[in-house]
Amino acid sequence: MELTRIIRPALVLDEASGTRIVAELSKRDVGRGGCWNASTTIWQRYTGPWDGAGGTRGNSQLVGTIAVAYGMPIRNHITVYRVTVTEAGADAGFSVDSLCDEALAYGGLTFATCARAELAEPPLADPFHARR
């Protein structure tokens, strides 16, 4: 099973979908009895809420991490560019696709249906060795 995947081309979430996803992940925060820990750079899925002393992780194990970039490729969009599933996540039945699908579902998306970043074609000639 592939535990880390660089997403090429990257997934691009439009403003409306991204806003819904971030709001739902925040509602399901590990500190509030949920299983997500979302920041501006990563969304982490845990096996359950953090139940340790002082709000620490405790018995909860990291399932996987979704690396995101806010404001990319344009303002108010979110780009998903790397996903990692831990061994604990794989043992629990998660894959890169299913981890993404769980988070993206809050915005009405799936890994398969999500828009992709447009990639420019590489130059035909090597710009460092171009003929003069």
Protein backbone atom coordinates (compact mmCIF):
# COMPACT_ATOMS: atom_id res chain seq x y z
CA MET A 1 0.00 0.00 0.00
CA GLU A 2 1.23 3.48 -0.88
CA LEU A 3 1.56 5.44 2.39
CA THR A 4 2.65 8.81 0.94
CA ARG A 5 1.60 10.30 -2.35
CA ILE A 6 2.61 13.57 -3.93
CA ILE A 7 -0.58 14.64 -5.69
CA ARG A 8 0.23 15.49 -9.33
CA PRO A 9 -1.50 17.48 -10.56
CA ALA A 10 -2.55 18.83 -7.19
CA LEU A 11 -6.19 18.92 -6.09
CA VAL A 12 -7.68 22.42 -6.11
CA LEU A 13 -10.64 23.28 -3.89
CA ASP A 14 -12.78 26.23 -4.91
CA GLU A 15 -13.67 28.86 -2.31
CA ALA A 16 -17.11 27.49 -1.42
CA SER A 17 -16.00 23.86 -1.06
CA GLY A 18 -12.83 24.83 0.80
CA THR A 19 -14.77 27.00 3.25
CA ARG A 20 -17.23 24.18 3.99
CA ILE A 21 -14.43 21.65 4.48
CA VAL A 22 -12.42 23.86 6.84
CA ALA A 23 -15.56 24.69 8.85
CA GLU A 24 -16.49 21.01 9.20
CA LEU A 25 -12.95 19.95 10.14
CA SER A 26 -12.93 22.70 12.78
CA LYS A 27 -16.25 21.44 14.20
CA ARG A 28 -14.68 17.98 14.43
CA ASP A 29 -11.52 19.16 16.19
CA VAL A 30 -9.69 16.63 18.38
CA GLY A 31 -9.96 19.03 21.31
CA ARG A 32 -13.77 19.08 20.96
CA GLY A 33 -14.37 15.35 20.82
CA GLY A 34 -13.70 14.92 17.10
CA CYS A 35 -10.91 13.31 15.12
CA TRP A 36 -9.42 16.20 13.03
CA ASN A 37 -6.63 18.65 13.80
CA ALA A 38 -6.65 21.27 11.04
CA SER A 39 -4.19 24.12 10.59
CA THR A 40 -3.28 26.37 7.68
CA THR A 41 -0.69 23.89 6.39
CA ILE A 42 -1.97 20.41 7.31
CA TRP A 43 -5.14 18.54 8.10
CA GLN A 44 -4.48 15.60 10.42
CA ARG A 45 -6.90 12.73 11.02
CA TYR A 46 -6.65 10.87 14.34
CA THR A 47 -8.31 7.70 15.59
CA GLY A 48 -10.32 9.75 18.07
CA PRO A 49 -10.33 12.81 20.29
CA TRP A 50 -7.25 13.79 22.23
CA ASP A 51 -7.80 12.36 25.69
CA GLY A 52 -4.43 12.97 27.33
CA ALA A 53 -3.60 15.17 30.27
CA GLY A 54 -3.90 18.89 29.50
CA GLY A 55 -5.45 18.26 26.08
CA THR A 56 -2.56 16.18 24.73
CA ARG A 57 -2.93 13.33 22.26
CA GLY A 58 -3.20 10.59 24.88
CA ASN A 59 -4.38 7.30 23.36
CA SER A 60 -5.35 8.81 20.01
CA GLN A 61 -3.15 7.78 17.09
CA LEU A 62 -2.42 9.72 13.93
CA VAL A 63 -4.16 8.13 10.93
CA GLY A 64 -2.81 10.45 8.27
CA THR A 65 -1.92 13.95 7.14
CA ILE A 66 -3.18 16.01 4.22
CA ALA A 67 -0.75 18.81 3.25
CA VAL A 68 -2.55 21.93 2.03
CA ALA A 69 -1.70 25.42 0.81
CA TYR A 70 -4.26 28.16 1.33
CA GLY A 71 -4.60 30.91 -1.27
CA MET A 72 -3.17 28.71 -4.02
CA PRO A 73 -3.29 28.74 -7.01
CA ILE A 74 -5.49 31.80 -6.58
CA ARG A 75 -6.87 33.71 -3.64
CA ASN A 76 -9.47 31.84 -1.53
CA HIS A 77 -8.68 28.45 -3.06
CA ILE A 78 -6.97 25.55 -1.27
CA THR A 79 -4.48 23.21 -2.90
CA VAL A 80 -3.95 19.63 -1.67
CA TYR A 81 -0.49 18.52 -2.74
CA ARG A 82 0.66 15.64 -0.50
CA VAL A 83 -1.10 12.98 1.55
CA THR A 84 0.42 10.56 4.03
CA VAL A 85 -1.25 7.62 5.76
CA THR A 86 0.52 6.26 8.85
CA GLU A 87 0.93 2.57 9.60
CA ALA A 88 -1.83 2.94 12.20
CA GLY A 89 -4.04 4.46 9.51
CA ALA A 90 -3.28 1.68 7.04
CA ASP A 91 -4.00 -0.90 9.76
CA ALA A 92 -7.38 0.84 10.31
CA GLY A 93 -8.15 0.49 6.59
CA PHE A 94 -7.28 3.98 5.38
CA SER A 95 -5.63 4.70 2.04
CA VAL A 96 -4.51 7.99 0.50
CA ASP A 97 -7.75 8.13 -1.49
CA SER A 98 -10.06 7.27 1.42
CA LEU A 99 -8.39 9.77 3.76
CA CYS A 100 -8.88 12.49 1.15
CA ASP A 101 -12.43 11.35 0.46
CA GLU A 102 -13.37 11.69 4.13
CA ALA A 103 -12.16 15.30 4.34
CA LEU A 104 -13.33 16.32 0.86
CA ALA A 105 -16.83 14.91 1.46
CA TYR A 106 -17.52 17.87 3.77
CA GLY A 107 -17.34 20.04 0.65
CA GLY A 108 -19.28 17.64 -1.57
CA LEU A 109 -16.14 16.36 -3.31
CA THR A 110 -14.11 13.18 -3.66
CA PHE A 111 -10.50 12.54 -4.62
CA ALA A 112 -11.69 11.34 -8.03
CA THR A 113 -14.01 14.29 -8.75
CA CYS A 114 -11.95 17.15 -7.34
CA ALA A 115 -10.59 19.76 -9.77
CA ARG A 116 -6.89 19.54 -10.58
CA ALA A 117 -4.25 22.24 -10.96
CA GLU A 118 -3.45 23.13 -14.52
CA LEU A 119 0.12 22.32 -15.40
CA ALA A 120 2.02 24.28 -18.00
CA GLU A 121 3.73 22.33 -20.76
CA PRO A 122 7.51 22.12 -20.29
CA PRO A 123 9.62 24.07 -22.79
CA LEU A 124 10.54 22.17 -25.94
CA ALA A 125 14.19 23.18 -25.83
CA ASP A 126 16.61 23.17 -22.94
CA PRO A 127 16.81 26.88 -22.02
CA PHE A 128 20.29 26.45 -20.53
CA HIS A 129 21.76 25.03 -23.72
CA ALA A 130 19.81 26.94 -26.35
CA ARG A 131 21.60 27.63 -29.60
CA ARG A 132 22.67 31.16 -30.29
